[in-house]
Amino acid sequence: MKIVVVNNYKEDAKAQQAISNLARCTGHKPEMLDYKTRSLVEAVRGKSPDLVIMTGSNFMLSKSDTRTVFQQEMDMVKKLDLPYLGICFGHQLIGAAYGVEVADLGQTVRAFKEVQLLDNDPLFAGLPGTIRVTESHRQALKELPHGFRHLADSSTSRIEVIAHKTRLIYGVQFHPERSDDKNPHGRTIIQNFVNLAVKA
């Protein structure tokens, strides 16, 4: 299983923590490419990955200059037909790639929160109807992107999980990689996504 993680963090420590968490959850050692990588689309294509995971970030996608910085990553989602999992900011990038605006919530949500699952999707195999996962964001998608299904919501974010109707693309507003033994639901989601990519 070849996993490429596109890092969207400015801080190296946060990037390394994300990679470590994803390695723990997937059981594989991912390769990391930075959002600033020149010709990102070609760089990812050259890795021939089985799946791509897009990390969170402290950037604010509601700002036009931020959208410019991350345009090549949004292009990647549209141009390369690969399985994608967008986490938090990565989830917002997927929505933006498909034309949805990102709104500022006016405050940062940072805690374990309950998320209600709205559909019986393979991403949620083995999970209860309400899951407990780590939230850490202050922006969210304004609406569901065209061509996607709405799979989960919460008291803090209406668009918690999205899935493309015909491609293996998922976005989750929360941080499944920050699961632990007491709150393992996020790890299950990541493992389910890896299993779906294997079958694709």
Foldseek 3Di string as FASTA:
>chain_A
DEEEEEEAEPDPVVSVVLQVLLCVLQVHRYHYDYLQDPQVLVVVVVSVGLEYEYEAYPDDQLDPVVCVSNVSVLVNVVPDQHAYEYEAVGLVSVQVSLPWHKDFQVDWDFDWFKKAFDDDDLLQPPHDRIATFTATDGMATPDARPQKDQTIQGPRYGRQKIAGPPGNYIYGNTDLSPADPVRNRSSSSSNSSVVVSVVD
